[in-house]
């Protein structure tokens, strides 16, 4: 008598990676939102000494680079409009960053879940594309963390340092996970659908 082998259903590793990457990028943008929310308005368009971009220009650059990643890597997604650094307000920047973060989260979820339409990550038109993988997420996070460091330093140099509670709070990822609807700080247990990122 032939016996049938029981098929064990397991969740693909790629699916878990895609979901985790989307949640990690959501936390990354939550940090951006917190910084803008608590930044003194006088620092937003203040001109730093030397040939240095303003804080407003840096945040608009972060958003505009995201739109380029999406346009080149996942053109099937709706590409958010770019921001003008000279005329962008803090409110407009928060809304735009939330929108581009949601699209980036969708892009990461599809790219790193396997079997999707996204096969290559295009950083820029001049750069050689990479096969999709964890390095894609690492590059995106590194770019934004670099500019956040500039923003925090500029705010301090301009005489508008961020409150200590905020400076330390952006490292409390357990709370940030929970702010995004992930119970007990577990990114894989988030109840919030991809693309639904809070801005307050």
N, C-alpha and C. Protein backbone atom coordinates (compact mmCIF):
# COMPACT_ATOMS: atom_id res chain seq x y z
N UNK A 1 0.84 -1.19 0.00
CA UNK A 1 0.00 0.00 0.00
C UNK A 1 0.88 1.25 0.00
N UNK A 2 0.66 2.07 -1.01
CA UNK A 2 1.48 3.28 -1.14
C UNK A 2 1.05 4.31 -0.11
N UNK A 3 2.02 4.96 0.47
CA UNK A 3 1.72 6.02 1.44
C UNK A 3 2.05 7.38 0.84
N UNK A 4 1.21 8.33 1.11
CA UNK A 4 1.43 9.68 0.59
C UNK A 4 2.21 10.50 1.60
N UNK A 5 3.26 11.11 1.14
CA UNK A 5 4.06 11.96 2.02
C UNK A 5 3.30 13.26 2.29
N UNK A 6 3.25 13.59 3.55
CA UNK A 6 2.56 14.83 3.93
C UNK A 6 3.39 16.03 3.53
N UNK A 7 2.74 16.96 2.86
CA UNK A 7 3.43 18.17 2.41
C UNK A 7 3.41 19.20 3.54
N UNK A 8 4.57 19.61 3.97
CA UNK A 8 4.66 20.61 5.04
C UNK A 8 4.66 21.99 4.42
N UNK A 9 3.71 22.80 4.84
CA UNK A 9 3.61 24.16 4.33
C UNK A 9 4.55 25.07 5.12
N UNK A 10 5.48 25.65 4.46
CA UNK A 10 6.40 26.59 5.11
C UNK A 10 6.38 27.91 4.37
N UNK A 11 6.55 28.96 5.09
CA UNK A 11 6.56 30.29 4.48
C UNK A 11 7.94 30.53 3.89
N UNK A 12 8.01 30.91 2.61
CA UNK A 12 9.31 31.14 1.98
C UNK A 12 10.11 32.20 2.72
N UNK A 13 11.41 31.98 2.81
CA UNK A 13 12.29 32.95 3.46
C UNK A 13 12.20 34.30 2.75
N UNK A 14 12.08 34.25 1.41
CA UNK A 14 12.02 35.50 0.65
C UNK A 14 10.82 36.33 1.04
N UNK A 15 9.69 35.68 1.29
CA UNK A 15 8.48 36.41 1.68
C UNK A 15 8.69 37.13 3.01
N UNK A 16 9.33 36.45 3.95
CA UNK A 16 9.61 37.06 5.25
C UNK A 16 10.57 38.24 5.09
N UNK A 17 11.57 38.08 4.23
CA UNK A 17 12.54 39.14 4.02
C UNK A 17 11.88 40.37 3.41
N UNK A 18 11.00 40.17 2.44
CA UNK A 18 10.31 41.29 1.81
C UNK A 18 9.45 42.05 2.80
N UNK A 19 8.74 41.34 3.64
CA UNK A 19 7.87 41.98 4.63
C UNK A 19 8.71 42.74 5.66
N UNK A 20 9.80 42.11 6.12
CA UNK A 20 10.66 42.76 7.11
C UNK A 20 11.32 44.00 6.53
N UNK A 21 11.76 43.93 5.26
CA UNK A 21 12.40 45.08 4.62
C UNK A 21 11.44 46.26 4.53
N UNK A 22 10.18 45.97 4.18
CA UNK A 22 9.19 47.04 4.09
C UNK A 22 8.97 47.69 5.45
N UNK A 23 8.92 46.89 6.50
CA UNK A 23 8.72 47.42 7.85
C UNK A 23 9.93 48.22 8.33
N UNK A 24 11.12 47.75 8.01
CA UNK A 24 12.34 48.46 8.39
C UNK A 24 12.37 49.83 7.72
N UNK A 25 11.98 49.88 6.45
CA UNK A 25 11.98 51.18 5.76
C UNK A 25 10.91 52.09 6.33
N UNK A 26 9.81 51.50 6.79
CA UNK A 26 8.76 52.30 7.43
C UNK A 26 9.29 52.96 8.70
N UNK A 27 10.05 52.21 9.49
CA UNK A 27 10.65 52.79 10.71
C UNK A 27 11.65 53.87 10.33
N UNK A 28 12.41 53.62 9.28
CA UNK A 28 13.36 54.62 8.80
C UNK A 28 12.65 55.94 8.50
N UNK A 29 11.50 55.86 7.83
CA UNK A 29 10.79 57.11 7.53
C UNK A 29 10.14 57.70 8.77
N UNK A 30 9.74 56.86 9.70
CA UNK A 30 9.19 57.38 10.96
C UNK A 30 10.20 58.30 11.64
N UNK A 31 11.47 57.96 11.56
CA UNK A 31 12.52 58.80 12.14
C UNK A 31 12.57 60.15 11.42
N UNK A 32 12.47 60.12 10.08
CA UNK A 32 12.44 61.38 9.33
C UNK A 32 11.27 62.25 9.78
N UNK A 33 10.11 61.62 9.95
CA UNK A 33 8.91 62.36 10.34
C UNK A 33 9.09 63.00 11.72
N UNK A 34 9.68 62.26 12.64
CA UNK A 34 9.91 62.77 14.00
C UNK A 34 10.84 63.99 13.96
N UNK A 35 11.90 63.89 13.15
CA UNK A 35 12.85 65.00 13.07
C UNK A 35 12.17 66.27 12.54
N UNK A 36 11.39 66.14 11.47
CA UNK A 36 10.72 67.32 10.91
C UNK A 36 9.72 67.88 11.90
N UNK A 37 8.98 66.99 12.55
CA UNK A 37 7.95 67.41 13.49
C UNK A 37 8.52 68.25 14.64
N UNK A 38 9.73 67.90 15.08
CA UNK A 38 10.31 68.57 16.25
C UNK A 38 11.40 69.58 15.89
N UNK A 39 11.59 69.80 14.62
CA UNK A 39 12.58 70.79 14.18
C UNK A 39 12.00 72.19 14.31
N UNK A 40 12.79 73.10 14.88
CA UNK A 40 12.36 74.49 14.98
C UNK A 40 12.13 75.05 13.57
N UNK A 41 10.95 75.63 13.30
CA UNK A 41 10.66 76.16 11.96
C UNK A 41 11.71 77.16 11.46
N UNK A 42 12.35 77.87 12.38
CA UNK A 42 13.37 78.85 11.98
C UNK A 42 14.58 78.17 11.34
N UNK A 43 14.79 76.88 11.65
CA UNK A 43 15.93 76.16 11.11
C UNK A 43 15.66 75.59 9.74
N UNK A 44 14.41 75.52 9.33
CA UNK A 44 14.01 74.81 8.11
C UNK A 44 14.70 75.38 6.87
N UNK A 45 14.58 76.68 6.65
CA UNK A 45 15.19 77.29 5.46
C UNK A 45 16.40 78.15 5.82
N UNK A 46 16.88 78.06 7.06
CA UNK A 46 18.05 78.85 7.46
C UNK A 46 19.26 78.49 6.60
N UNK A 47 20.03 79.52 6.24
CA UNK A 47 21.18 79.31 5.37
C UNK A 47 22.41 78.96 6.20
N UNK A 48 22.93 77.74 6.06
CA UNK A 48 24.15 77.38 6.78
C UNK A 48 25.35 78.11 6.20
N UNK A 49 26.41 78.24 6.96
CA UNK A 49 27.63 78.89 6.43
C UNK A 49 28.28 78.04 5.35
N UNK A 50 28.87 78.71 4.36
CA UNK A 50 29.55 77.98 3.30
C UNK A 50 28.58 77.43 2.26
N UNK A 51 29.11 76.59 1.40
CA UNK A 51 28.31 76.01 0.32
C UNK A 51 27.66 74.71 0.82
N UNK A 52 26.69 74.88 1.69
CA UNK A 52 26.02 73.74 2.32
C UNK A 52 24.52 73.86 2.08
N UNK A 53 23.88 72.75 1.80
CA UNK A 53 22.43 72.76 1.58
C UNK A 53 21.69 73.05 2.88
N UNK A 54 20.56 73.70 2.76
CA UNK A 54 19.71 73.93 3.93
C UNK A 54 19.07 72.62 4.36
N UNK A 55 18.49 72.60 5.56
CA UNK A 55 17.81 71.40 6.05
C UNK A 55 16.63 71.08 5.14
N UNK A 56 15.91 72.10 4.69
CA UNK A 56 14.80 71.87 3.77
C UNK A 56 15.28 71.21 2.49
N UNK A 57 16.42 71.67 1.97
CA UNK A 57 16.97 71.10 0.73
C UNK A 57 17.38 69.64 0.93
N UNK A 58 17.89 69.31 2.10
CA UNK A 58 18.32 67.93 2.34
C UNK A 58 17.11 67.00 2.41
N UNK A 59 16.06 67.42 3.09
CA UNK A 59 14.86 66.58 3.17
C UNK A 59 14.21 66.43 1.79
N UNK A 60 14.17 67.50 1.00
CA UNK A 60 13.59 67.37 -0.34
C UNK A 60 14.47 66.46 -1.21
N UNK A 61 15.77 66.51 -1.01
CA UNK A 61 16.68 65.61 -1.73
C UNK A 61 16.38 64.15 -1.38
N UNK A 62 16.17 63.86 -0.11
CA UNK A 62 15.84 62.48 0.31
C UNK A 62 14.60 61.99 -0.43
N UNK A 63 13.57 62.83 -0.45
CA UNK A 63 12.33 62.45 -1.14
C UNK A 63 12.56 62.28 -2.64
N UNK A 64 13.24 63.25 -3.25
CA UNK A 64 13.43 63.22 -4.70
C UNK A 64 14.26 62.03 -5.15
N UNK A 65 15.24 61.63 -4.35
CA UNK A 65 16.03 60.45 -4.68
C UNK A 65 15.16 59.19 -4.60
N UNK A 66 14.28 59.14 -3.62
CA UNK A 66 13.35 58.00 -3.54
C UNK A 66 12.52 57.88 -4.82
N UNK A 67 12.02 59.03 -5.31
CA UNK A 67 11.20 58.97 -6.52
C UNK A 67 12.00 58.44 -7.71
N UNK A 68 13.30 58.74 -7.72
CA UNK A 68 14.16 58.22 -8.78
C UNK A 68 14.33 56.72 -8.67
N UNK A 69 14.55 56.23 -7.43
CA UNK A 69 14.65 54.78 -7.22
C UNK A 69 13.39 54.08 -7.73
N UNK A 70 12.24 54.64 -7.38
CA UNK A 70 10.97 54.02 -7.76
C UNK A 70 10.80 54.05 -9.28
N UNK A 71 11.06 55.21 -9.88
CA UNK A 71 10.88 55.36 -11.33
C UNK A 71 11.77 54.40 -12.12
N UNK A 72 13.01 54.24 -11.67
CA UNK A 72 13.95 53.39 -12.40
C UNK A 72 13.81 51.91 -12.07
N UNK A 73 13.42 51.59 -10.84
CA UNK A 73 13.40 50.21 -10.37
C UNK A 73 12.02 49.57 -10.47
N UNK A 74 10.99 50.34 -10.17
CA UNK A 74 9.62 49.79 -10.13
C UNK A 74 8.66 50.75 -10.84
N UNK A 75 8.81 50.92 -12.15
CA UNK A 75 7.97 51.89 -12.87
C UNK A 75 6.48 51.54 -12.86
N UNK A 76 6.17 50.27 -12.48
CA UNK A 76 4.75 49.89 -12.40
C UNK A 76 4.04 50.54 -11.22
N UNK A 77 4.82 51.04 -10.25
CA UNK A 77 4.23 51.76 -9.11
C UNK A 77 4.02 53.22 -9.48
N UNK A 78 3.09 53.85 -8.78
CA UNK A 78 2.85 55.27 -9.03
C UNK A 78 3.99 56.09 -8.44
N UNK A 79 4.70 56.81 -9.29
CA UNK A 79 5.85 57.59 -8.84
C UNK A 79 5.37 58.91 -8.24
N UNK A 80 5.70 59.19 -6.98
CA UNK A 80 5.26 60.46 -6.35
C UNK A 80 5.90 61.66 -7.04
N UNK A 81 5.22 62.81 -7.05
CA UNK A 81 5.82 64.02 -7.62
C UNK A 81 6.99 64.50 -6.77
N UNK A 82 7.93 65.16 -7.42
CA UNK A 82 9.10 65.66 -6.70
C UNK A 82 8.77 66.97 -5.98
N UNK A 83 9.65 67.33 -5.07
CA UNK A 83 9.51 68.56 -4.30
C UNK A 83 10.50 69.61 -4.79
N UNK A 84 10.15 70.88 -4.62
CA UNK A 84 11.07 71.98 -4.94
C UNK A 84 11.68 72.46 -3.63
N UNK A 85 12.98 72.36 -3.54
CA UNK A 85 13.63 72.63 -2.24
C UNK A 85 13.50 74.07 -1.77
N UNK A 86 13.33 75.01 -2.69
CA UNK A 86 13.26 76.42 -2.29
C UNK A 86 11.88 76.81 -1.79
N UNK A 87 10.87 76.01 -2.12
CA UNK A 87 9.49 76.40 -1.78
C UNK A 87 8.78 75.36 -0.92
N UNK A 88 9.46 74.34 -0.51
CA UNK A 88 8.83 73.26 0.24
C UNK A 88 8.70 73.61 1.73
N UNK A 89 7.51 73.42 2.28
CA UNK A 89 7.30 73.65 3.71
C UNK A 89 7.51 72.34 4.48
N UNK A 90 7.58 72.45 5.79
CA UNK A 90 7.74 71.24 6.61
C UNK A 90 6.53 70.32 6.45
N UNK A 91 5.35 70.90 6.39
CA UNK A 91 4.13 70.10 6.22
C UNK A 91 4.14 69.37 4.89
N UNK A 92 4.53 70.06 3.83
CA UNK A 92 4.60 69.44 2.51
C UNK A 92 5.65 68.33 2.47
N UNK A 93 6.78 68.56 3.14
CA UNK A 93 7.84 67.55 3.17
C UNK A 93 7.37 66.29 3.89
N UNK A 94 6.68 66.46 5.01
CA UNK A 94 6.18 65.30 5.76
C UNK A 94 5.22 64.47 4.92
N UNK A 95 4.31 65.15 4.24
CA UNK A 95 3.33 64.43 3.42
C UNK A 95 4.01 63.71 2.25
N UNK A 96 4.95 64.40 1.60
CA UNK A 96 5.64 63.80 0.46
C UNK A 96 6.50 62.62 0.88
N UNK A 97 7.21 62.76 2.00
CA UNK A 97 8.05 61.67 2.48
C UNK A 97 7.22 60.45 2.87
N UNK A 98 6.06 60.69 3.47
CA UNK A 98 5.18 59.57 3.81
C UNK A 98 4.74 58.83 2.56
N UNK A 99 4.43 59.59 1.52
CA UNK A 99 4.00 59.00 0.25
C UNK A 99 5.13 58.20 -0.41
N UNK A 100 6.31 58.81 -0.51
CA UNK A 100 7.42 58.10 -1.16
C UNK A 100 7.90 56.92 -0.33
N UNK A 101 7.79 57.02 1.00
CA UNK A 101 8.17 55.89 1.86
C UNK A 101 7.22 54.71 1.63
N UNK A 102 5.95 55.00 1.46
CA UNK A 102 4.97 53.93 1.20
C UNK A 102 5.28 53.22 -0.11
N UNK A 103 5.63 53.99 -1.14
CA UNK A 103 5.96 53.37 -2.42
C UNK A 103 7.28 52.58 -2.32
N UNK A 104 8.25 53.12 -1.58
CA UNK A 104 9.51 52.38 -1.40
C UNK A 104 9.27 51.08 -0.64
N UNK A 105 8.37 51.12 0.34
CA UNK A 105 8.04 49.90 1.09
C UNK A 105 7.41 48.87 0.17
N UNK A 106 6.53 49.30 -0.71
CA UNK A 106 5.93 48.39 -1.69
C UNK A 106 7.00 47.81 -2.60
N UNK A 107 7.92 48.67 -3.05
CA UNK A 107 8.99 48.22 -3.93
C UNK A 107 9.87 47.18 -3.25
N UNK A 108 10.24 47.43 -2.01
CA UNK A 108 11.08 46.48 -1.27
C UNK A 108 10.35 45.17 -1.02
N UNK A 109 9.06 45.25 -0.66
CA UNK A 109 8.30 44.04 -0.39
C UNK A 109 8.24 43.16 -1.62
N UNK A 110 8.00 43.78 -2.78
CA UNK A 110 7.92 42.99 -4.02
C UNK A 110 9.30 42.48 -4.44
N UNK A 111 10.29 43.35 -4.36
CA UNK A 111 11.63 42.96 -4.82
C UNK A 111 12.23 41.83 -4.00
N UNK A 112 12.05 41.89 -2.68
CA UNK A 112 12.71 40.93 -1.80
C UNK A 112 11.84 39.73 -1.43
N UNK A 113 10.62 39.70 -1.94
CA UNK A 113 9.76 38.54 -1.68
C UNK A 113 9.97 37.43 -2.72
N UNK A 114 10.63 37.77 -3.82
CA UNK A 114 10.90 36.76 -4.85
C UNK A 114 9.69 36.56 -5.74
N UNK A 115 9.97 36.30 -7.02
CA UNK A 115 8.89 36.00 -7.95
C UNK A 115 8.16 37.20 -8.51
N UNK A 116 8.57 38.41 -8.12
CA UNK A 116 7.90 39.61 -8.60
C UNK A 116 8.51 40.12 -9.90
N UNK A 117 8.06 41.30 -10.28
CA UNK A 117 8.56 41.88 -11.54
C UNK A 117 9.87 42.62 -11.37
N UNK A 118 10.26 42.90 -10.13
CA UNK A 118 11.48 43.68 -9.88
C UNK A 118 12.67 42.74 -9.76
N UNK A 119 13.58 42.85 -10.70
CA UNK A 119 14.75 41.98 -10.72
C UNK A 119 16.05 42.73 -10.44
N UNK A 120 16.06 44.04 -10.70
CA UNK A 120 17.26 44.85 -10.54
C UNK A 120 16.94 46.11 -9.75
N UNK A 121 17.91 46.56 -8.95
CA UNK A 121 17.78 47.83 -8.24
C UNK A 121 18.63 48.87 -8.95
N UNK A 122 17.98 49.95 -9.39
CA UNK A 122 18.67 51.03 -10.11
C UNK A 122 18.83 52.21 -9.16
N UNK A 123 20.05 52.47 -8.74
CA UNK A 123 20.31 53.60 -7.84
C UNK A 123 20.22 54.91 -8.57
N UNK A 124 20.70 54.90 -9.83
CA UNK A 124 20.73 56.12 -10.64
C UNK A 124 20.88 55.71 -12.10
N UNK A 125 20.62 56.65 -13.00
CA UNK A 125 20.74 56.33 -14.41
C UNK A 125 22.15 56.00 -14.84
N UNK A 126 23.14 56.58 -14.12
CA UNK A 126 24.54 56.36 -14.51
C UNK A 126 25.15 55.13 -13.84
N UNK A 127 24.50 54.61 -12.81
CA UNK A 127 25.08 53.53 -12.01
C UNK A 127 24.67 52.16 -12.55
N UNK A 128 25.56 51.21 -12.42
CA UNK A 128 25.26 49.84 -12.83
C UNK A 128 24.20 49.26 -11.89
N UNK A 129 23.11 48.70 -12.44
CA UNK A 129 22.07 48.14 -11.56
C UNK A 129 22.55 46.90 -10.82
N UNK A 130 21.98 46.69 -9.64
CA UNK A 130 22.31 45.52 -8.82
C UNK A 130 21.17 44.52 -8.87
N UNK A 131 21.48 43.23 -8.78
CA UNK A 131 20.40 42.26 -8.55
C UNK A 131 19.73 42.58 -7.20
N UNK A 132 18.43 42.42 -7.13
CA UNK A 132 17.75 42.74 -5.88
C UNK A 132 18.21 41.78 -4.77
N UNK A 133 18.35 42.33 -3.58
CA UNK A 133 18.80 41.57 -2.42
C UNK A 133 18.89 42.49 -1.23
N UNK A 134 19.38 41.98 -0.10
CA UNK A 134 19.48 42.82 1.11
C UNK A 134 20.30 44.08 0.92
N UNK A 135 21.29 44.03 -0.01
CA UNK A 135 22.12 45.21 -0.23
C UNK A 135 21.31 46.40 -0.74
N UNK A 136 20.19 46.11 -1.38
CA UNK A 136 19.30 47.18 -1.86
C UNK A 136 18.74 47.97 -0.68
N UNK A 137 18.24 47.26 0.31
CA UNK A 137 17.73 47.90 1.52
C UNK A 137 18.85 48.63 2.25
N UNK A 138 20.01 48.00 2.38
CA UNK A 138 21.14 48.61 3.09
C UNK A 138 21.53 49.94 2.44
N UNK A 139 21.58 49.97 1.12
CA UNK A 139 21.94 51.20 0.42
C UNK A 139 20.93 52.31 0.69
N UNK A 140 19.64 51.97 0.61
CA UNK A 140 18.59 52.96 0.82
C UNK A 140 18.63 53.53 2.24
N UNK A 141 18.85 52.65 3.21
CA UNK A 141 18.92 53.10 4.60
C UNK A 141 20.16 53.96 4.85
N UNK A 142 21.30 53.53 4.27
CA UNK A 142 22.55 54.26 4.47
C UNK A 142 22.44 55.68 3.90
N UNK A 143 21.81 55.80 2.74
CA UNK A 143 21.66 57.13 2.13
C UNK A 143 20.89 58.08 3.05
N UNK A 144 19.81 57.58 3.61
CA UNK A 144 18.97 58.45 4.44
C UNK A 144 19.60 58.71 5.81
N UNK A 145 20.26 57.70 6.37
CA UNK A 145 20.92 57.89 7.67
C UNK A 145 22.05 58.92 7.54
N UNK A 146 22.77 58.87 6.44
CA UNK A 146 23.84 59.85 6.18
C UNK A 146 23.28 61.27 6.23
N UNK A 147 22.17 61.49 5.52
CA UNK A 147 21.60 62.83 5.46
C UNK A 147 20.94 63.24 6.78
N UNK A 148 20.40 62.27 7.53
CA UNK A 148 19.86 62.62 8.85
C UNK A 148 20.96 63.11 9.78
N UNK A 149 22.13 62.50 9.66
CA UNK A 149 23.27 62.97 10.45
C UNK A 149 23.62 64.41 10.12
N UNK A 150 23.59 64.74 8.82
CA UNK A 150 23.85 66.12 8.40
C UNK A 150 22.80 67.07 8.99
N UNK A 151 21.54 66.64 8.96
CA UNK A 151 20.44 67.48 9.44
C UNK A 151 20.58 67.76 10.94
N UNK A 152 20.86 66.72 11.71
CA UNK A 152 21.02 66.90 13.16
C UNK A 152 22.19 67.83 13.47
N UNK A 153 23.29 67.67 12.72
CA UNK A 153 24.46 68.52 12.93
C UNK A 153 24.16 69.96 12.55
N UNK A 154 23.48 70.17 11.41
CA UNK A 154 23.15 71.52 10.97
C UNK A 154 22.21 72.22 11.95
N UNK A 155 21.22 71.49 12.44
CA UNK A 155 20.29 72.08 13.41
C UNK A 155 21.05 72.59 14.63
N UNK A 156 22.03 71.80 15.08
CA UNK A 156 22.84 72.20 16.24
C UNK A 156 23.69 73.42 15.89
N UNK A 157 24.34 73.41 14.72
CA UNK A 157 25.21 74.52 14.33
C UNK A 157 24.43 75.81 14.11
N UNK A 158 23.19 75.69 13.69
CA UNK A 158 22.36 76.87 13.44
C UNK A 158 21.74 77.44 14.71
N UNK A 159 21.97 76.73 15.82
CA UNK A 159 21.43 77.20 17.10
C UNK A 159 20.06 76.68 17.43
N UNK A 160 19.64 75.61 16.73
CA UNK A 160 18.33 75.02 16.97
C UNK A 160 18.46 73.51 17.20
N UNK A 161 19.23 73.10 18.21
CA UNK A 161 19.42 71.66 18.41
C UNK A 161 18.10 70.96 18.73
N UNK A 162 18.00 69.73 18.31
CA UNK A 162 16.81 68.94 18.60
C UNK A 162 16.75 68.64 20.10
N UNK A 163 15.56 68.56 20.69
CA UNK A 163 15.46 68.21 22.10
C UNK A 163 16.12 66.87 22.38
N UNK A 164 16.74 66.74 23.54
CA UNK A 164 17.43 65.49 23.88
C UNK A 164 16.51 64.28 23.80
N UNK A 165 15.27 64.48 24.21
CA UNK A 165 14.31 63.38 24.18
C UNK A 165 14.14 62.84 22.75
N UNK A 166 14.18 63.74 21.78
CA UNK A 166 14.04 63.33 20.38
C UNK A 166 15.33 62.72 19.87
N UNK A 167 16.46 63.34 20.21
CA UNK A 167 17.76 62.82 19.77
C UNK A 167 17.98 61.38 20.23
N UNK A 168 17.54 61.07 21.45
CA UNK A 168 17.66 59.70 21.95
C UNK A 168 16.51 58.82 21.47
N UNK A 169 15.33 59.44 21.30
CA UNK A 169 14.14 58.67 20.95
C UNK A 169 14.21 58.01 19.59
N UNK A 170 14.96 58.60 18.66
CA UNK A 170 15.04 58.00 17.32
C UNK A 170 15.82 56.69 17.32
N UNK A 171 16.46 56.38 18.46
CA UNK A 171 17.17 55.09 18.59
C UNK A 171 16.33 54.04 19.31
N UNK A 172 15.16 54.43 19.76
CA UNK A 172 14.29 53.49 20.48
C UNK A 172 13.40 52.77 19.46
N UNK A 173 13.99 51.79 18.78
CA UNK A 173 13.27 51.12 17.70
C UNK A 173 12.10 50.28 18.21
N UNK A 174 12.18 49.82 19.46
CA UNK A 174 11.05 49.07 20.01
C UNK A 174 9.78 49.94 20.00
N UNK A 175 9.94 51.19 20.43
CA UNK A 175 8.80 52.11 20.43
C UNK A 175 8.39 52.46 19.00
N UNK A 176 9.37 52.64 18.14
CA UNK A 176 9.07 52.98 16.75
C UNK A 176 8.28 51.86 16.07
N UNK A 177 8.67 50.60 16.36
CA UNK A 177 7.91 49.46 15.81
C UNK A 177 6.46 49.55 16.28
N UNK A 178 6.28 49.81 17.56
CA UNK A 178 4.92 49.86 18.12
C UNK A 178 4.13 51.03 17.55
N UNK A 179 4.80 52.15 17.31
CA UNK A 179 4.13 53.29 16.70
C UNK A 179 3.55 52.93 15.33
N UNK A 180 4.20 51.97 14.68
CA UNK A 180 3.77 51.54 13.35
C UNK A 180 2.79 50.37 13.40
N UNK A 181 2.36 50.02 14.61
CA UNK A 181 1.37 48.95 14.73
C UNK A 181 1.93 47.57 14.81
N UNK A 182 3.20 47.44 15.19
CA UNK A 182 3.82 46.12 15.30
C UNK A 182 3.86 45.72 16.78
N UNK A 183 3.04 44.77 17.23
CA UNK A 183 3.00 44.39 18.64
C UNK A 183 4.34 43.88 19.13
N UNK A 184 4.70 44.27 20.34
CA UNK A 184 5.91 43.80 21.01
C UNK A 184 7.17 44.07 20.22
N UNK A 185 7.11 45.06 19.32
CA UNK A 185 8.31 45.42 18.57
C UNK A 185 8.76 44.39 17.57
N UNK A 186 7.85 43.52 17.10
CA UNK A 186 8.20 42.48 16.13
C UNK A 186 7.77 42.95 14.75
N UNK A 187 8.72 43.26 13.84
CA UNK A 187 8.36 43.78 12.52
C UNK A 187 7.52 42.81 11.72
N UNK A 188 7.62 41.50 12.00
CA UNK A 188 6.88 40.52 11.22
C UNK A 188 5.43 40.38 11.67
N UNK A 189 5.05 41.09 12.75
CA UNK A 189 3.69 40.97 13.26
C UNK A 189 2.88 42.23 13.05
N UNK A 190 3.35 43.12 12.21
CA UNK A 190 2.63 44.37 11.99
C UNK A 190 1.26 44.11 11.38
N UNK A 191 0.26 44.81 11.90
CA UNK A 191 -1.09 44.69 11.36
C UNK A 191 -1.36 45.76 10.31
N UNK A 192 -0.43 46.67 10.12
CA UNK A 192 -0.63 47.76 9.18
C UNK A 192 -0.25 47.30 7.77
N UNK A 193 -1.14 47.45 6.79
CA UNK A 193 -0.80 47.03 5.42
C UNK A 193 0.34 47.85 4.86
N UNK A 194 1.08 47.27 3.88
CA UNK A 194 2.14 48.02 3.23
C UNK A 194 1.54 49.26 2.60
N UNK A 195 2.23 50.38 2.72
CA UNK A 195 1.76 51.62 2.14
C UNK A 195 0.97 52.47 3.10
N UNK A 196 0.72 51.97 4.31
CA UNK A 196 -0.02 52.74 5.31
C UNK A 196 0.93 53.18 6.39
N UNK A 197 1.59 54.30 6.21
CA UNK A 197 2.59 54.78 7.13
C UNK A 197 2.11 56.05 7.82
N UNK A 198 2.12 56.07 9.16
CA UNK A 198 1.64 57.26 9.87
C UNK A 198 2.62 58.40 9.75
N UNK A 199 2.12 59.62 9.84
CA UNK A 199 3.00 60.80 9.76
C UNK A 199 2.96 61.61 11.04
N UNK A 200 2.30 61.10 12.08
CA UNK A 200 2.28 61.86 13.33
C UNK A 200 2.47 60.92 14.51
